[in-house]
């Protein structure tokens, strides 16, 4: 595959990842079990696809979100984990933005 084509695919992935993170942030604000399930699903998608495109940090951040949400369902200490999940989402968004800027310079 030509580098230009790969860069186009990466741009598309990063655009979709940004939309997923925005959806995660909105879902976390409602704090329902359905919204946590949705965030877990989106994090799982980003975990797999991030690594496929060579974005290990995106994959790692998404895995951390997924793990924290799984831990949250089995604990009574939801507030501390909610703050941790929010921070992971912020980190994920920052990494997506960083990768997008780096790709523009490429």
PDB file of N, CA and C in Angstrom:
ATOM      1  N   UNK A   1       0.844  -1.175   0.000  1.00  0.00           N
ATOM      2  CA  UNK A   1       0.000   0.000   0.000  1.00  0.00           C
ATOM      3  C   UNK A   1       0.892   1.241   0.000  1.00  0.00           C
ATOM      4  N   UNK A   2       0.533   2.202  -0.760  1.00  0.00           N
ATOM      5  CA  UNK A   2       1.278   3.446  -0.843  1.00  0.00           C
ATOM      6  C   UNK A   2       1.080   4.237   0.453  1.00  0.00           C
ATOM      7  N   UNK A   3       2.137   4.933   0.873  1.00  0.00           N
ATOM      8  CA  UNK A   3       2.075   5.708   2.115  1.00  0.00           C
ATOM      9  C   UNK A   3       0.902   6.682   2.142  1.00  0.00           C
ATOM     10  N   UNK A   4       0.594   7.286   0.994  1.00  0.00           N
ATOM     11  CA  UNK A   4      -0.507   8.247   0.931  1.00  0.00           C
ATOM     12  C   UNK A   4      -1.826   7.558   1.270  1.00  0.00           C
ATOM     13  N   UNK A   5      -2.011   6.354   0.761  1.00  0.00           N
ATOM     14  CA  UNK A   5      -3.234   5.608   1.050  1.00  0.00           C
ATOM     15  C   UNK A   5      -3.306   5.236   2.534  1.00  0.00           C
ATOM     16  N   UNK A   6      -2.183   4.821   3.094  1.00  0.00           N
ATOM     17  CA  UNK A   6      -2.151   4.486   4.515  1.00  0.00           C
ATOM     18  C   UNK A   6      -2.425   5.725   5.367  1.00  0.00           C
ATOM     19  N   UNK A   7      -1.839   6.839   4.988  1.00  0.00           N
ATOM     20  CA  UNK A   7      -2.096   8.091   5.713  1.00  0.00           C
ATOM     21  C   UNK A   7      -3.575   8.461   5.654  1.00  0.00           C
ATOM     22  N   UNK A   8      -4.207   8.254   4.503  1.00  0.00           N
ATOM     23  CA  UNK A   8      -5.642   8.535   4.376  1.00  0.00           C
ATOM     24  C   UNK A   8      -6.451   7.646   5.314  1.00  0.00           C
ATOM     25  N   UNK A   9      -6.084   6.370   5.386  1.00  0.00           N
ATOM     26  CA  UNK A   9      -6.770   5.442   6.287  1.00  0.00           C
ATOM     27  C   UNK A   9      -6.564   5.841   7.748  1.00  0.00           C
ATOM     28  N   UNK A  10      -5.357   6.274   8.070  1.00  0.00           N
ATOM     29  CA  UNK A  10      -5.070   6.716   9.435  1.00  0.00           C
ATOM     30  C   UNK A  10      -5.884   7.958   9.783  1.00  0.00           C
ATOM     31  N   UNK A  11      -5.986   8.896   8.835  1.00  0.00           N
ATOM     32  CA  UNK A  11      -6.789  10.103   9.071  1.00  0.00           C
ATOM     33  C   UNK A  11      -8.243   9.735   9.336  1.00  0.00           C
ATOM     34  N   UNK A  12      -8.758   8.819   8.524  1.00  0.00           N
ATOM     35  CA  UNK A  12     -10.138   8.377   8.693  1.00  0.00           C
ATOM     36  C   UNK A  12     -10.325   7.716  10.058  1.00  0.00           C
ATOM     37  N   UNK A  13      -9.393   6.866  10.443  1.00  0.00           N
ATOM     38  CA  UNK A  13      -9.460   6.225  11.758  1.00  0.00           C
ATOM     39  C   UNK A  13      -9.456   7.269  12.866  1.00  0.00           C
ATOM     40  N   UNK A  14      -8.545   8.238  12.787  1.00  0.00           N
ATOM     41  CA  UNK A  14      -8.443   9.246  13.841  1.00  0.00           C
ATOM     42  C   UNK A  14      -9.699  10.108  13.916  1.00  0.00           C
ATOM     43  N   UNK A  15     -10.293  10.416  12.763  1.00  0.00           N
ATOM     44  CA  UNK A  15     -11.556  11.159  12.757  1.00  0.00           C
ATOM     45  C   UNK A  15     -12.657  10.355  13.442  1.00  0.00           C
ATOM     46  N   UNK A  16     -12.736   9.075  13.117  1.00  0.00           N
ATOM     47  CA  UNK A  16     -13.738   8.207  13.743  1.00  0.00           C
ATOM     48  C   UNK A  16     -13.450   8.035  15.233  1.00  0.00           C
ATOM     49  N   UNK A  17     -12.189   7.939  15.590  1.00  0.00           N
ATOM     50  CA  UNK A  17     -11.815   7.800  16.996  1.00  0.00           C
ATOM     51  C   UNK A  17     -12.228   9.039  17.779  1.00  0.00           C
ATOM     52  N   UNK A  18     -12.061  10.201  17.183  1.00  0.00           N
ATOM     53  CA  UNK A  18     -12.454  11.451  17.855  1.00  0.00           C
ATOM     54  C   UNK A  18     -13.962  11.456  18.126  1.00  0.00           C
ATOM     55  N   UNK A  19     -14.741  11.007  17.147  1.00  0.00           N
ATOM     56  CA  UNK A  19     -16.199  10.931  17.318  1.00  0.00           C
ATOM     57  C   UNK A  19     -16.552   9.950  18.440  1.00  0.00           C
ATOM     58  N   UNK A  20     -15.860   8.824  18.492  1.00  0.00           N
ATOM     59  CA  UNK A  20     -16.112   7.833  19.542  1.00  0.00           C
ATOM     60  C   UNK A  20     -15.781   8.396  20.920  1.00  0.00           C
ATOM     61  N   UNK A  21     -14.713   9.153  21.021  1.00  0.00           N
ATOM     62  CA  UNK A  21     -14.350   9.754  22.307  1.00  0.00           C
ATOM     63  C   UNK A  21     -15.391  10.785  22.722  1.00  0.00           C
ATOM     64  N   UNK A  22     -15.891  11.565  21.771  1.00  0.00           N
ATOM     65  CA  UNK A  22     -16.954  12.523  22.090  1.00  0.00           C
ATOM     66  C   UNK A  22     -18.195  11.789  22.595  1.00  0.00           C
ATOM     67  N   UNK A  23     -18.508  10.655  21.955  1.00  0.00           N
ATOM     68  CA  UNK A  23     -19.647   9.859  22.407  1.00  0.00           C
ATOM     69  C   UNK A  23     -19.383   9.298  23.808  1.00  0.00           C
ATOM     70  N   UNK A  24     -18.152   8.881  24.069  1.00  0.00           N
ATOM     71  CA  UNK A  24     -17.795   8.385  25.400  1.00  0.00           C
ATOM     72  C   UNK A  24     -18.028   9.467  26.452  1.00  0.00           C
ATOM     73  N   UNK A  25     -17.548  10.670  26.153  1.00  0.00           N
ATOM     74  CA  UNK A  25     -17.689  11.759  27.116  1.00  0.00           C
ATOM     75  C   UNK A  25     -19.159  12.049  27.397  1.00  0.00           C
ATOM     76  N   UNK A  26     -19.977  12.068  26.358  1.00  0.00           N
ATOM     77  CA  UNK A  26     -21.405  12.318  26.547  1.00  0.00           C
ATOM     78  C   UNK A  26     -22.058  11.187  27.344  1.00  0.00           C
ATOM     79  N   UNK A  27     -21.687   9.948  27.050  1.00  0.00           N
ATOM     80  CA  UNK A  27     -22.264   8.808  27.755  1.00  0.00           C
ATOM     81  C   UNK A  27     -21.876   8.815  29.223  1.00  0.00           C
ATOM     82  N   UNK A  28     -20.649   9.181  29.522  1.00  0.00           N
ATOM     83  CA  UNK A  28     -20.199   9.208  30.915  1.00  0.00           C
ATOM     84  C   UNK A  28     -20.943  10.256  31.734  1.00  0.00           C
ATOM     85  N   UNK A  29     -21.390  11.311  31.075  1.00  0.00           N
ATOM     86  CA  UNK A  29     -22.131  12.343  31.789  1.00  0.00           C
ATOM     87  C   UNK A  29     -23.477  11.835  32.287  1.00  0.00           C
ATOM     88  N   UNK A  30     -24.083  10.893  31.564  1.00  0.00           N
ATOM     89  CA  UNK A  30     -25.378  10.373  31.995  1.00  0.00           C
ATOM     90  C   UNK A  30     -25.242   9.334  33.109  1.00  0.00           C
ATOM     91  N   UNK A  31     -24.086   8.700  33.216  1.00  0.00           N
ATOM     92  CA  UNK A  31     -23.739   7.781  34.312  1.00  0.00           C
ATOM     93  C   UNK A  31     -24.782   6.689  34.561  1.00  0.00           C
ATOM     94  N   UNK A  32     -25.322   6.129  33.500  1.00  0.00           N
ATOM     95  CA  UNK A  32     -26.236   4.997  33.646  1.00  0.00           C
ATOM     96  C   UNK A  32     -25.508   3.710  33.273  1.00  0.00           C
ATOM     97  N   UNK A  33     -26.077   2.579  33.647  1.00  0.00           N
ATOM     98  CA  UNK A  33     -25.421   1.315  33.310  1.00  0.00           C
ATOM     99  C   UNK A  33     -25.351   1.124  31.801  1.00  0.00           C
ATOM    100  N   UNK A  34     -26.365   1.597  31.074  1.00  0.00           N
ATOM    101  CA  UNK A  34     -26.345   1.500  29.620  1.00  0.00           C
ATOM    102  C   UNK A  34     -25.229   2.360  29.023  1.00  0.00           C
ATOM    103  N   UNK A  35     -25.043   3.539  29.596  1.00  0.00           N
ATOM    104  CA  UNK A  35     -23.994   4.418  29.070  1.00  0.00           C
ATOM    105  C   UNK A  35     -22.609   3.831  29.355  1.00  0.00           C
ATOM    106  N   UNK A  36     -22.435   3.205  30.514  1.00  0.00           N
ATOM    107  CA  UNK A  36     -21.155   2.567  30.815  1.00  0.00           C
ATOM    108  C   UNK A  36     -20.912   1.388  29.876  1.00  0.00           C
ATOM    109  N   UNK A  37     -21.971   0.667  29.549  1.00  0.00           N
ATOM    110  CA  UNK A  37     -21.837  -0.430  28.580  1.00  0.00           C
ATOM    111  C   UNK A  37     -21.404   0.110  27.218  1.00  0.00           C
ATOM    112  N   UNK A  38     -21.972   1.242  26.822  1.00  0.00           N
ATOM    113  CA  UNK A  38     -21.622   1.846  25.534  1.00  0.00           C
ATOM    114  C   UNK A  38     -20.168   2.304  25.532  1.00  0.00           C
ATOM    115  N   UNK A  39     -19.727   2.911  26.599  1.00  0.00           N
ATOM    116  CA  UNK A  39     -18.332   3.364  26.691  1.00  0.00           C
ATOM    117  C   UNK A  39     -17.394   2.163  26.647  1.00  0.00           C
ATOM    118  N   UNK A  40     -17.753   1.093  27.323  1.00  0.00           N
ATOM    119  CA  UNK A  40     -16.937  -0.126  27.287  1.00  0.00           C
ATOM    120  C   UNK A  40     -16.827  -0.647  25.861  1.00  0.00           C
ATOM    121  N   UNK A  41     -17.937  -0.661  25.142  1.00  0.00           N
ATOM    122  CA  UNK A  41     -17.951  -1.120  23.751  1.00  0.00           C
ATOM    123  C   UNK A  41     -17.056  -0.244  22.874  1.00  0.00           C
ATOM    124  N   UNK A  42     -17.187   1.065  23.009  1.00  0.00           N
ATOM    125  CA  UNK A  42     -16.381   1.987  22.201  1.00  0.00           C
ATOM    126  C   UNK A  42     -14.897   1.864  22.537  1.00  0.00           C
ATOM    127  N   UNK A  43     -14.598   1.733  23.823  1.00  0.00           N
ATOM    128  CA  UNK A  43     -13.199   1.566  24.238  1.00  0.00           C
ATOM    129  C   UNK A  43     -12.626   0.275  23.660  1.00  0.00           C
ATOM    130  N   UNK A  44     -13.425  -0.777  23.668  1.00  0.00           N
ATOM    131  CA  UNK A  44     -12.974  -2.050  23.114  1.00  0.00           C
ATOM    132  C   UNK A  44     -12.662  -1.911  21.619  1.00  0.00           C
ATOM    133  N   UNK A  45     -13.514  -1.206  20.895  1.00  0.00           N
ATOM    134  CA  UNK A  45     -13.266  -0.976  19.467  1.00  0.00           C
ATOM    135  C   UNK A  45     -11.960  -0.213  19.246  1.00  0.00           C
ATOM    136  N   UNK A  46     -11.760   0.844  20.011  1.00  0.00           N
ATOM    137  CA  UNK A  46     -10.543   1.647  19.859  1.00  0.00           C
ATOM    138  C   UNK A  46      -9.300   0.884  20.277  1.00  0.00           C
ATOM    139  N   UNK A  47      -9.450   0.039  21.265  1.00  0.00           N
ATOM    140  CA  UNK A  47      -8.317  -0.772  21.719  1.00  0.00           C
ATOM    141  C   UNK A  47      -7.802  -1.641  20.571  1.00  0.00           C
ATOM    142  N   UNK A  48      -8.706  -2.285  19.877  1.00  0.00           N
ATOM    143  CA  UNK A  48      -8.305  -3.160  18.779  1.00  0.00           C
ATOM    144  C   UNK A  48      -7.832  -2.417  17.551  1.00  0.00           C
ATOM    145  N   UNK A  49      -8.587  -1.428  17.135  1.00  0.00           N
ATOM    146  CA  UNK A  49      -8.237  -0.735  15.894  1.00  0.00           C
ATOM    147  C   UNK A  49      -7.044   0.196  16.072  1.00  0.00           C
ATOM    148  N   UNK A  50      -6.856   0.761  17.249  1.00  0.00           N
ATOM    149  CA  UNK A  50      -5.697   1.625  17.479  1.00  0.00           C
ATOM    150  C   UNK A  50      -4.399   0.893  17.230  1.00  0.00           C
ATOM    151  N   UNK A  51      -4.292  -0.300  17.758  1.00  0.00           N
ATOM    152  CA  UNK A  51      -3.095  -1.102  17.549  1.00  0.00           C
ATOM    153  C   UNK A  51      -2.911  -1.498  16.097  1.00  0.00           C
ATOM    154  N   UNK A  52      -4.014  -1.739  15.406  1.00  0.00           N
ATOM    155  CA  UNK A  52      -3.943  -2.131  13.988  1.00  0.00           C
ATOM    156  C   UNK A  52      -3.332  -1.030  13.124  1.00  0.00           C
ATOM    157  N   UNK A  53      -3.547   0.211  13.512  1.00  0.00           N
ATOM    158  CA  UNK A  53      -3.001   1.343  12.758  1.00  0.00           C
ATOM    159  C   UNK A  53      -1.653   1.810  13.294  1.00  0.00           C
ATOM    160  N   UNK A  54      -1.138   1.109  14.290  1.00  0.00           N
ATOM    161  CA  UNK A  54       0.156   1.468  14.840  1.00  0.00           C
ATOM    162  C   UNK A  54       0.089   2.510  15.940  1.00  0.00           C
ATOM    163  N   UNK A  55      -1.102   2.777  16.449  1.00  0.00           N
ATOM    164  CA  UNK A  55      -1.282   3.756  17.515  1.00  0.00           C
ATOM    165  C   UNK A  55      -1.401   3.025  18.852  1.00  0.00           C
ATOM    166  N   UNK A  56      -0.269   2.586  19.354  1.00  0.00           N
ATOM    167  CA  UNK A  56      -0.247   1.789  20.575  1.00  0.00           C
ATOM    168  C   UNK A  56      -0.779   2.550  21.787  1.00  0.00           C
ATOM    169  N   UNK A  57      -0.483   3.833  21.856  1.00  0.00           N
ATOM    170  CA  UNK A  57      -0.950   4.617  23.010  1.00  0.00           C
ATOM    171  C   UNK A  57      -2.469   4.728  23.007  1.00  0.00           C
ATOM    172  N   UNK A  58      -3.070   4.889  21.827  1.00  0.00           N
ATOM    173  CA  UNK A  58      -4.534   4.916  21.743  1.00  0.00           C
ATOM    174  C   UNK A  58      -5.085   3.581  22.226  1.00  0.00           C
ATOM    175  N   UNK A  59      -4.473   2.512  21.778  1.00  0.00           N
ATOM    176  CA  UNK A  59      -4.895   1.175  22.175  1.00  0.00           C
ATOM    177  C   UNK A  59      -4.744   0.983  23.687  1.00  0.00           C
ATOM    178  N   UNK A  60      -3.645   1.430  24.236  1.00  0.00           N
ATOM    179  CA  UNK A  60      -3.385   1.298  25.675  1.00  0.00           C
ATOM    180  C   UNK A  60      -4.367   2.132  26.495  1.00  0.00           C
ATOM    181  N   UNK A  61      -4.606   3.371  26.067  1.00  0.00           N
ATOM    182  CA  UNK A  61      -5.551   4.227  26.791  1.00  0.00           C
ATOM    183  C   UNK A  61      -6.963   3.639  26.743  1.00  0.00           C
ATOM    184  N   UNK A  62      -7.357   3.132  25.574  1.00  0.00           N
ATOM    185  CA  UNK A  62      -8.685   2.530  25.440  1.00  0.00           C
ATOM    186  C   UNK A  62      -8.800   1.276  26.305  1.00  0.00           C
ATOM    187  N   UNK A  63      -7.737   0.488  26.366  1.00  0.00           N
ATOM    188  CA  UNK A  63      -7.744  -0.707  27.214  1.00  0.00           C
ATOM    189  C   UNK A  63      -7.883  -0.321  28.684  1.00  0.00           C
ATOM    190  N   UNK A  64      -7.252   0.778  29.083  1.00  0.00           N
ATOM    191  CA  UNK A  64      -7.352   1.243  30.467  1.00  0.00           C
ATOM    192  C   UNK A  64      -8.787   1.660  30.794  1.00  0.00           C
ATOM    193  N   UNK A  65      -9.453   2.292  29.842  1.00  0.00           N
ATOM    194  CA  UNK A  65     -10.859   2.676  30.040  1.00  0.00           C
ATOM    195  C   UNK A  65     -11.708   1.421  30.202  1.00  0.00           C
ATOM    196  N   UNK A  66     -11.511   0.473  29.306  1.00  0.00           N
ATOM    197  CA  UNK A  66     -12.278  -0.772  29.346  1.00  0.00           C
ATOM    198  C   UNK A  66     -12.077  -1.491  30.684  1.00  0.00           C
ATOM    199  N   UNK A  67     -10.834  -1.578  31.123  1.00  0.00           N
ATOM    200  CA  UNK A  67     -10.523  -2.271  32.382  1.00  0.00           C
ATOM    201  C   UNK A  67     -11.137  -1.533  33.575  1.00  0.00           C
ATOM    202  N   UNK A  68     -11.024  -0.218  33.588  1.00  0.00           N
ATOM    203  CA  UNK A  68     -11.581   0.560  34.696  1.00  0.00           C
ATOM    204  C   UNK A  68     -13.099   0.402  34.767  1.00  0.00           C
ATOM    205  N   UNK A  69     -13.754   0.350  33.609  1.00  0.00           N
ATOM    206  CA  UNK A  69     -15.208   0.167  33.609  1.00  0.00           C
ATOM    207  C   UNK A  69     -15.596  -1.231  34.075  1.00  0.00           C
ATOM    208  N   UNK A  70     -14.800  -2.214  33.713  1.00  0.00           N
ATOM    209  CA  UNK A  70     -15.068  -3.574  34.189  1.00  0.00           C
ATOM    210  C   UNK A  70     -14.866  -3.655  35.701  1.00  0.00           C
ATOM    211  N   UNK A  71     -13.847  -2.990  36.207  1.00  0.00           N
ATOM    212  CA  UNK A  71     -13.580  -2.952  37.645  1.00  0.00           C
ATOM    213  C   UNK A  71     -14.696  -2.214  38.371  1.00  0.00           C
ATOM    214  N   UNK A  72     -15.176  -1.142  37.736  1.00  0.00           N
ATOM    215  CA  UNK A  72     -16.223  -0.320  38.344  1.00  0.00           C
ATOM    216  C   UNK A  72     -17.474  -1.128  38.639  1.00  0.00           C
ATOM    217  N   UNK A  73     -17.829  -2.032  37.740  1.00  0.00           N
ATOM    218  CA  UNK A  73     -19.061  -2.796  37.931  1.00  0.00           C
ATOM    219  C   UNK A  73     -18.967  -3.751  39.122  1.00  0.00           C
ATOM    220  N   UNK A  74     -17.772  -4.044  39.566  1.00  0.00           N
ATOM    221  CA  UNK A  74     -17.617  -4.972  40.678  1.00  0.00           C
ATOM    222  C   UNK A  74     -17.214  -4.321  41.981  1.00  0.00           C
ATOM    223  N   UNK A  75     -17.336  -3.007  42.081  1.00  0.00           N
ATOM    224  CA  UNK A  75     -16.888  -2.315  43.290  1.00  0.00           C
ATOM    225  C   UNK A  75     -17.905  -1.275  43.735  1.00  0.00           C
ATOM    226  N   UNK A  76     -17.803  -0.886  44.967  1.00  0.00           N
ATOM    227  CA  UNK A  76     -18.670   0.175  45.484  1.00  0.00           C
ATOM    228  C   UNK A  76     -17.973   1.531  45.436  1.00  0.00           C
ATOM    229  N   UNK A  77     -16.724   1.554  45.015  1.00  0.00           N
ATOM    230  CA  UNK A  77     -15.931   2.783  44.971  1.00  0.00           C
ATOM    231  C   UNK A  77     -16.032   3.427  43.590  1.00  0.00           C
ATOM    232  N   UNK A  78     -17.248   3.688  43.156  1.00  0.00           N
ATOM    233  CA  UNK A  78     -17.485   4.213  41.818  1.00  0.00           C
ATOM    234  C   UNK A  78     -16.938   5.601  41.587  1.00  0.00           C
ATOM    235  N   UNK A  79     -16.991   6.481  42.567  1.00  0.00           N
ATOM    236  CA  UNK A  79     -16.567   7.868  42.354  1.00  0.00           C
ATOM    237  C   UNK A  79     -15.094   7.982  41.993  1.00  0.00           C
ATOM    238  N   UNK A  80     -14.244   7.254  42.700  1.00  0.00           N
ATOM    239  CA  UNK A  80     -12.809   7.301  42.402  1.00  0.00           C
ATOM    240  C   UNK A  80     -12.543   6.724  41.017  1.00  0.00           C
ATOM    241  N   UNK A  81     -13.225   5.641  40.682  1.00  0.00           N
ATOM    242  CA  UNK A  81     -13.039   5.057  39.355  1.00  0.00           C
ATOM    243  C   UNK A  81     -13.614   5.954  38.268  1.00  0.00           C
ATOM    244  N   UNK A  82     -14.717   6.642  38.553  1.00  0.00           N
ATOM    245  CA  UNK A  82     -15.281   7.558  37.564  1.00  0.00           C
ATOM    246  C   UNK A  82     -14.284   8.653  37.206  1.00  0.00           C
ATOM    247  N   UNK A  83     -13.600   9.180  38.210  1.00  0.00           N
ATOM    248  CA  UNK A  83     -12.579  10.201  37.960  1.00  0.00           C
ATOM    249  C   UNK A  83     -11.435   9.619  37.141  1.00  0.00           C
ATOM    250  N   UNK A  84     -11.068   8.392  37.447  1.00  0.00           N
ATOM    251  CA  UNK A  84      -9.998   7.719  36.706  1.00  0.00           C
ATOM    252  C   UNK A  84     -10.422   7.488  35.251  1.00  0.00           C
ATOM    253  N   UNK A  85     -11.646   7.063  35.049  1.00  0.00           N
ATOM    254  CA  UNK A  85     -12.165   6.832  33.694  1.00  0.00           C
ATOM    255  C   UNK A  85     -12.180   8.137  32.915  1.00  0.00           C
ATOM    256  N   UNK A  86     -12.665   9.200  33.540  1.00  0.00           N
ATOM    257  CA  UNK A  86     -12.685  10.516  32.884  1.00  0.00           C
ATOM    258  C   UNK A  86     -11.277  10.934  32.469  1.00  0.00           C
ATOM    259  N   UNK A  87     -10.303  10.700  33.336  1.00  0.00           N
ATOM    260  CA  UNK A  87      -8.919  11.065  33.011  1.00  0.00           C
ATOM    261  C   UNK A  87      -8.402  10.240  31.841  1.00  0.00           C
ATOM    262  N   UNK A  88      -8.729   8.965  31.811  1.00  0.00           N
ATOM    263  CA  UNK A  88      -8.324   8.124  30.675  1.00  0.00           C
ATOM    264  C   UNK A  88      -8.941   8.631  29.369  1.00  0.00           C
ATOM    265  N   UNK A  89     -10.186   9.067  29.432  1.00  0.00           N
ATOM    266  CA  UNK A  89     -10.852   9.591  28.225  1.00  0.00           C
ATOM    267  C   UNK A  89     -10.170  10.887  27.779  1.00  0.00           C
ATOM    268  N   UNK A  90      -9.817  11.733  28.717  1.00  0.00           N
ATOM    269  CA  UNK A  90      -9.085  12.967  28.394  1.00  0.00           C
ATOM    270  C   UNK A  90      -7.743  12.632  27.759  1.00  0.00           C
ATOM    271  N   UNK A  91      -7.040  11.661  28.342  1.00  0.00           N
ATOM    272  CA  UNK A  91      -5.750  11.237  27.783  1.00  0.00           C
ATOM    273  C   UNK A  91      -5.916  10.676  26.375  1.00  0.00           C
ATOM    274  N   UNK A  92      -6.969   9.905  26.177  1.00  0.00           N
ATOM    275  CA  UNK A  92      -7.234   9.321  24.865  1.00  0.00           C
ATOM    276  C   UNK A  92      -7.481  10.414  23.836  1.00  0.00           C
ATOM    277  N   UNK A  93      -8.287  11.388  24.195  1.00  0.00           N
ATOM    278  CA  UNK A  93      -8.571  12.488  23.275  1.00  0.00           C
ATOM    279  C   UNK A  93      -7.295  13.263  22.943  1.00  0.00           C
ATOM    280  N   UNK A  94      -6.470  13.508  23.942  1.00  0.00           N
ATOM    281  CA  UNK A  94      -5.212  14.228  23.712  1.00  0.00           C
ATOM    282  C   UNK A  94      -4.295  13.439  22.780  1.00  0.00           C
ATOM    283  N   UNK A  95      -4.254  12.134  22.949  1.00  0.00           N
ATOM    284  CA  UNK A  95      -3.410  11.301  22.090  1.00  0.00           C
ATOM    285  C   UNK A  95      -3.929  11.290  20.656  1.00  0.00           C
ATOM    286  N   UNK A  96      -5.237  11.245  20.486  1.00  0.00           N
ATOM    287  CA  UNK A  96      -5.824  11.306  19.140  1.00  0.00           C
ATOM    288  C   UNK A  96      -5.468  12.635  18.488  1.00  0.00           C
ATOM    289  N   UNK A  97      -5.589  13.709  19.227  1.00  0.00           N
ATOM    290  CA  UNK A  97      -5.238  15.030  18.691  1.00  0.00           C
ATOM    291  C   UNK A  97      -3.756  15.099  18.326  1.00  0.00           C
ATOM    292  N   UNK A  98      -2.904  14.541  19.188  1.00  0.00           N
ATOM    293  CA  UNK A  98      -1.461  14.540  18.914  1.00  0.00           C
ATOM    294  C   UNK A  98      -1.150  13.750  17.646  1.00  0.00           C
ATOM    295  N   UNK A  99      -1.757  12.591  17.517  1.00  0.00           N
ATOM    296  CA  UNK A  99      -1.528  11.762  16.328  1.00  0.00           C
ATOM    297  C   UNK A  99      -2.030  12.441  15.060  1.00  0.00           C
ATOM    298  N   UNK A 100      -3.150  13.129  15.165  1.00  0.00           N
ATOM    299  CA  UNK A 100      -3.697  13.852  14.007  1.00  0.00           C
ATOM    300  C   UNK A 100      -2.750  14.958  13.560  1.00  0.00           C
ATOM    301  N   UNK A 101      -2.222  15.706  14.514  1.00  0.00           N
ATOM    302  CA  UNK A 101      -1.287  16.783  14.180  1.00  0.00           C
ATOM    303  C   UNK A 101      -0.011  16.212  13.562  1.00  0.00           C
ATOM    304  N   UNK A 102       0.461  15.116  14.135  1.00  0.00           N
ATOM    305  CA  UNK A 102       1.677  14.474  13.615  1.00  0.00           C
ATOM    306  C   UNK A 102       1.454  13.989  12.188  1.00  0.00           C
ATOM    307  N   UNK A 103       0.277  13.462  11.912  1.00  0.00           N
ATOM    308  CA  UNK A 103      -0.041  12.964  10.582  1.00  0.00           C
ATOM    309  C   UNK A 103      -0.108  14.101   9.570  1.00  0.00           C
ATOM    310  N   UNK A 104      -0.561  15.269  10.008  1.00  0.00           N
ATOM    311  CA  UNK A 104      -0.603  16.436   9.108  1.00  0.00           C
ATOM    312  C   UNK A 104       0.797  16.857   8.680  1.00  0.00           C
ATOM    313  N   UNK A 105       1.754  16.681   9.572  1.00  0.00           N
ATOM    314  CA  UNK A 105       3.128  17.059   9.263  1.00  0.00           C
ATOM    315  C   UNK A 105       3.830  16.018   8.399  1.00  0.00           C
ATOM    316  N   UNK A 106       3.261  14.850   8.322  1.00  0.00           N
ATOM    317  CA  UNK A 106       3.848  13.722   7.594  1.00  0.00           C
ATOM    318  C   UNK A 106       3.760  13.864   6.112  1.00  0.00           C
TER     319      UNK A 106
END
